[in-house]
Amino acid sequence: MESLKNEIKKLIVDSLGLEDLSPGDIGDDVPLFGDGGIGLDSIDALELGVALRKKYHLSIDSGDSGAREHFASVNNLVKFVQIRGQKTED
């Protein structure tokens, strides 16, 4: 599970071009969006969703009431990927 966490953190940094952050700067339970977290916004959510879809073949429904919860933290994304995703080779 640690390798998946690190993979997702790297995906966040790389896909969003977060030059001021490294994957190690992102805490597992730190909020990804809003104040008190790393401060991602709705555009970042869209870009991250696309990156997750490509890498893990996720089906993310924008009408899914749980989508916000899935994207709340790295730990939540890991659970979501473990349940719904299939890793692809880069």
N, C-alpha and C. Protein backbone atom coordinates (compact mmCIF):
# COMPACT_ATOMS: atom_id res chain seq x y z
N MET A 1 0.82 -1.19 0.00
CA MET A 1 0.00 0.00 0.00
C MET A 1 0.86 1.26 0.00
N GLU A 2 2.02 1.21 0.65
CA GLU A 2 2.91 2.37 0.66
C GLU A 2 3.35 2.75 -0.74
N SER A 3 3.62 1.76 -1.58
CA SER A 3 4.05 2.08 -2.93
C SER A 3 2.92 2.75 -3.71
N LEU A 4 1.68 2.34 -3.48
CA LEU A 4 0.55 2.98 -4.15
C LEU A 4 0.40 4.42 -3.66
N LYS A 5 0.57 4.64 -2.36
CA LYS A 5 0.51 6.01 -1.82
C LYS A 5 1.56 6.88 -2.50
N ASN A 6 2.78 6.38 -2.58
CA ASN A 6 3.85 7.15 -3.20
C ASN A 6 3.58 7.40 -4.67
N GLU A 7 3.03 6.40 -5.34
CA GLU A 7 2.68 6.53 -6.75
C GLU A 7 1.63 7.62 -6.96
N ILE A 8 0.63 7.64 -6.11
CA ILE A 8 -0.43 8.64 -6.22
C ILE A 8 0.10 10.04 -5.89
N LYS A 9 0.94 10.13 -4.89
CA LYS A 9 1.54 11.43 -4.55
C LYS A 9 2.37 11.95 -5.73
N LYS A 10 3.12 11.07 -6.35
CA LYS A 10 3.92 11.47 -7.52
C LYS A 10 3.00 11.88 -8.67
N LEU A 11 1.93 11.15 -8.86
CA LEU A 11 0.96 11.49 -9.90
C LEU A 11 0.36 12.87 -9.66
N ILE A 12 0.05 13.18 -8.42
CA ILE A 12 -0.50 14.50 -8.08
C ILE A 12 0.49 15.60 -8.44
N VAL A 13 1.72 15.44 -8.00
CA VAL A 13 2.75 16.45 -8.26
C VAL A 13 3.02 16.59 -9.76
N ASP A 14 3.19 15.47 -10.44
CA ASP A 14 3.54 15.50 -11.86
C ASP A 14 2.39 15.98 -12.75
N SER A 15 1.20 15.44 -12.52
CA SER A 15 0.08 15.78 -13.40
C SER A 15 -0.41 17.21 -13.21
N LEU A 16 -0.19 17.77 -12.02
CA LEU A 16 -0.64 19.13 -11.75
C LEU A 16 0.49 20.14 -11.85
N GLY A 17 1.70 19.68 -12.12
CA GLY A 17 2.83 20.59 -12.26
C GLY A 17 3.12 21.37 -10.99
N LEU A 18 3.05 20.70 -9.86
CA LEU A 18 3.27 21.36 -8.57
C LEU A 18 4.76 21.45 -8.28
N GLU A 19 5.39 22.45 -8.86
CA GLU A 19 6.84 22.59 -8.79
C GLU A 19 7.34 22.87 -7.38
N ASP A 20 6.51 23.44 -6.52
CA ASP A 20 6.92 23.77 -5.16
C ASP A 20 6.76 22.62 -4.18
N LEU A 21 6.22 21.51 -4.64
CA LEU A 21 5.99 20.35 -3.78
C LEU A 21 6.71 19.13 -4.33
N SER A 22 7.11 18.27 -3.42
CA SER A 22 7.59 16.95 -3.81
C SER A 22 6.59 15.95 -3.26
N PRO A 23 6.58 14.73 -3.78
CA PRO A 23 5.64 13.73 -3.25
C PRO A 23 5.77 13.56 -1.72
N GLY A 24 6.97 13.67 -1.21
CA GLY A 24 7.18 13.53 0.23
C GLY A 24 6.58 14.64 1.07
N ASP A 25 6.24 15.77 0.43
CA ASP A 25 5.64 16.89 1.13
C ASP A 25 4.14 16.70 1.38
N ILE A 26 3.55 15.72 0.74
CA ILE A 26 2.10 15.52 0.83
C ILE A 26 1.82 14.44 1.88
N GLY A 27 1.17 14.84 2.95
CA GLY A 27 0.81 13.89 4.00
C GLY A 27 -0.32 12.98 3.55
N ASP A 28 -0.36 11.79 4.09
CA ASP A 28 -1.36 10.80 3.69
C ASP A 28 -2.79 11.25 3.97
N ASP A 29 -3.00 11.96 5.07
CA ASP A 29 -4.35 12.38 5.47
C ASP A 29 -4.58 13.87 5.33
N VAL A 30 -3.62 14.58 4.76
CA VAL A 30 -3.75 16.03 4.58
C VAL A 30 -4.82 16.30 3.52
N PRO A 31 -5.72 17.24 3.78
CA PRO A 31 -6.73 17.57 2.77
C PRO A 31 -6.05 18.06 1.48
N LEU A 32 -6.50 17.55 0.35
CA LEU A 32 -5.92 17.96 -0.92
C LEU A 32 -6.51 19.28 -1.40
N PHE A 33 -7.74 19.59 -0.99
CA PHE A 33 -8.45 20.77 -1.47
C PHE A 33 -8.77 21.72 -0.33
N GLY A 34 -8.81 23.00 -0.66
CA GLY A 34 -9.22 24.01 0.30
C GLY A 34 -8.14 24.39 1.28
N ASP A 35 -8.55 25.20 2.23
CA ASP A 35 -7.62 25.68 3.26
C ASP A 35 -7.21 24.55 4.19
N GLY A 36 -6.02 24.64 4.70
CA GLY A 36 -5.53 23.64 5.63
C GLY A 36 -4.93 22.43 4.95
N GLY A 37 -4.92 22.43 3.65
CA GLY A 37 -4.35 21.32 2.90
C GLY A 37 -3.32 21.82 1.92
N ILE A 38 -3.21 21.14 0.80
CA ILE A 38 -2.23 21.59 -0.19
C ILE A 38 -2.85 22.60 -1.15
N GLY A 39 -4.15 22.88 -1.00
CA GLY A 39 -4.79 23.99 -1.69
C GLY A 39 -5.16 23.77 -3.14
N LEU A 40 -5.48 22.53 -3.51
CA LEU A 40 -5.91 22.28 -4.88
C LEU A 40 -7.29 22.90 -5.10
N ASP A 41 -7.61 23.19 -6.37
CA ASP A 41 -8.91 23.77 -6.69
C ASP A 41 -9.67 22.87 -7.66
N SER A 42 -10.79 23.34 -8.16
CA SER A 42 -11.65 22.51 -9.01
C SER A 42 -10.99 22.15 -10.34
N ILE A 43 -10.19 23.04 -10.88
CA ILE A 43 -9.45 22.73 -12.12
C ILE A 43 -8.45 21.61 -11.85
N ASP A 44 -7.77 21.69 -10.70
CA ASP A 44 -6.84 20.62 -10.31
C ASP A 44 -7.58 19.29 -10.18
N ALA A 45 -8.79 19.34 -9.64
CA ALA A 45 -9.58 18.11 -9.48
C ALA A 45 -9.86 17.47 -10.83
N LEU A 46 -10.20 18.29 -11.81
CA LEU A 46 -10.45 17.76 -13.15
C LEU A 46 -9.19 17.14 -13.74
N GLU A 47 -8.07 17.84 -13.63
CA GLU A 47 -6.81 17.33 -14.17
C GLU A 47 -6.36 16.06 -13.46
N LEU A 48 -6.53 16.04 -12.14
CA LEU A 48 -6.18 14.85 -11.37
C LEU A 48 -7.09 13.69 -11.73
N GLY A 49 -8.36 13.96 -11.93
CA GLY A 49 -9.30 12.92 -12.34
C GLY A 49 -8.90 12.29 -13.67
N VAL A 50 -8.49 13.13 -14.62
CA VAL A 50 -8.05 12.62 -15.92
C VAL A 50 -6.80 11.74 -15.75
N ALA A 51 -5.85 12.21 -14.95
CA ALA A 51 -4.62 11.44 -14.73
C ALA A 51 -4.90 10.10 -14.07
N LEU A 52 -5.81 10.10 -13.10
CA LEU A 52 -6.18 8.85 -12.42
C LEU A 52 -6.89 7.90 -13.37
N ARG A 53 -7.76 8.44 -14.22
CA ARG A 53 -8.45 7.61 -15.20
C ARG A 53 -7.47 6.94 -16.14
N LYS A 54 -6.50 7.70 -16.61
CA LYS A 54 -5.52 7.15 -17.55
C LYS A 54 -4.65 6.08 -16.89
N LYS A 55 -4.16 6.36 -15.70
CA LYS A 55 -3.22 5.45 -15.06
C LYS A 55 -3.89 4.19 -14.51
N TYR A 56 -5.07 4.35 -13.94
CA TYR A 56 -5.70 3.23 -13.24
C TYR A 56 -7.01 2.76 -13.88
N HIS A 57 -7.35 3.30 -15.03
CA HIS A 57 -8.60 2.95 -15.73
C HIS A 57 -9.81 3.08 -14.82
N LEU A 58 -9.84 4.19 -14.07
CA LEU A 58 -10.96 4.44 -13.17
C LEU A 58 -12.14 5.01 -13.93
N SER A 59 -13.29 4.69 -13.48
CA SER A 59 -14.50 5.32 -13.97
C SER A 59 -14.96 6.27 -12.87
N ILE A 60 -14.82 7.56 -13.14
CA ILE A 60 -15.19 8.57 -12.15
C ILE A 60 -16.39 9.33 -12.69
N ASP A 61 -17.52 9.16 -12.05
CA ASP A 61 -18.75 9.82 -12.46
C ASP A 61 -18.86 11.16 -11.75
N SER A 62 -18.95 12.24 -12.52
CA SER A 62 -19.02 13.57 -11.92
C SER A 62 -20.27 13.74 -11.05
N GLY A 63 -21.27 12.93 -11.30
CA GLY A 63 -22.48 12.99 -10.49
C GLY A 63 -22.41 12.13 -9.24
N ASP A 64 -21.31 11.42 -9.07
CA ASP A 64 -21.12 10.54 -7.92
C ASP A 64 -21.02 11.39 -6.65
N SER A 65 -21.94 11.19 -5.75
CA SER A 65 -21.95 11.98 -4.51
C SER A 65 -20.73 11.70 -3.66
N GLY A 66 -20.06 10.56 -3.86
CA GLY A 66 -18.87 10.23 -3.08
C GLY A 66 -17.58 10.73 -3.69
N ALA A 67 -17.66 11.34 -4.88
CA ALA A 67 -16.44 11.78 -5.57
C ALA A 67 -15.63 12.75 -4.72
N ARG A 68 -16.29 13.67 -4.08
CA ARG A 68 -15.58 14.64 -3.23
C ARG A 68 -14.83 13.92 -2.11
N GLU A 69 -15.46 12.93 -1.54
CA GLU A 69 -14.82 12.16 -0.46
C GLU A 69 -13.63 11.35 -0.99
N HIS A 70 -13.75 10.78 -2.18
CA HIS A 70 -12.65 10.01 -2.76
C HIS A 70 -11.41 10.88 -2.96
N PHE A 71 -11.61 12.15 -3.29
CA PHE A 71 -10.51 13.06 -3.58
C PHE A 71 -10.08 13.87 -2.37
N ALA A 72 -10.57 13.55 -1.20
CA ALA A 72 -10.28 14.36 -0.01
C ALA A 72 -8.82 14.27 0.44
N SER A 73 -8.21 13.11 0.30
CA SER A 73 -6.83 12.92 0.76
C SER A 73 -6.17 11.80 -0.04
N VAL A 74 -4.88 11.66 0.14
CA VAL A 74 -4.16 10.57 -0.53
C VAL A 74 -4.69 9.23 -0.05
N ASN A 75 -4.91 9.09 1.25
CA ASN A 75 -5.44 7.81 1.77
C ASN A 75 -6.78 7.47 1.13
N ASN A 76 -7.64 8.45 0.94
CA ASN A 76 -8.93 8.19 0.31
C ASN A 76 -8.75 7.80 -1.15
N LEU A 77 -7.83 8.45 -1.85
CA LEU A 77 -7.56 8.09 -3.24
C LEU A 77 -7.01 6.67 -3.34
N VAL A 78 -6.16 6.29 -2.41
CA VAL A 78 -5.61 4.94 -2.40
C VAL A 78 -6.73 3.92 -2.26
N LYS A 79 -7.64 4.14 -1.33
CA LYS A 79 -8.78 3.22 -1.15
C LYS A 79 -9.61 3.14 -2.42
N PHE A 80 -9.87 4.30 -3.02
CA PHE A 80 -10.67 4.36 -4.24
C PHE A 80 -10.00 3.57 -5.36
N VAL A 81 -8.70 3.77 -5.54
CA VAL A 81 -7.96 3.06 -6.60
C VAL A 81 -7.94 1.56 -6.33
N GLN A 82 -7.74 1.19 -5.08
CA GLN A 82 -7.70 -0.24 -4.74
C GLN A 82 -9.03 -0.92 -5.05
N ILE A 83 -10.12 -0.23 -4.84
CA ILE A 83 -11.43 -0.81 -5.06
C ILE A 83 -11.84 -0.77 -6.53
N ARG A 84 -11.55 0.33 -7.22
CA ARG A 84 -12.11 0.54 -8.57
C ARG A 84 -11.10 0.55 -9.69
N GLY A 85 -9.81 0.57 -9.39
CA GLY A 85 -8.85 0.76 -10.46
C GLY A 85 -8.10 -0.48 -10.89
N GLN A 86 -7.50 -0.34 -12.07
CA GLN A 86 -6.60 -1.36 -12.61
C GLN A 86 -5.38 -0.62 -13.11
N LYS A 87 -4.24 -0.90 -12.55
CA LYS A 87 -3.02 -0.20 -12.92
C LYS A 87 -2.62 -0.53 -14.36
N THR A 88 -2.15 0.49 -15.05
CA THR A 88 -1.60 0.30 -16.38
C THR A 88 -0.11 0.54 -16.34
N GLU A 89 0.58 0.00 -17.29
CA GLU A 89 2.02 0.23 -17.39
C GLU A 89 2.24 1.55 -18.10
N ASP A 90 3.17 2.35 -17.59
CA ASP A 90 3.48 3.65 -18.22
C ASP A 90 4.31 3.48 -19.45
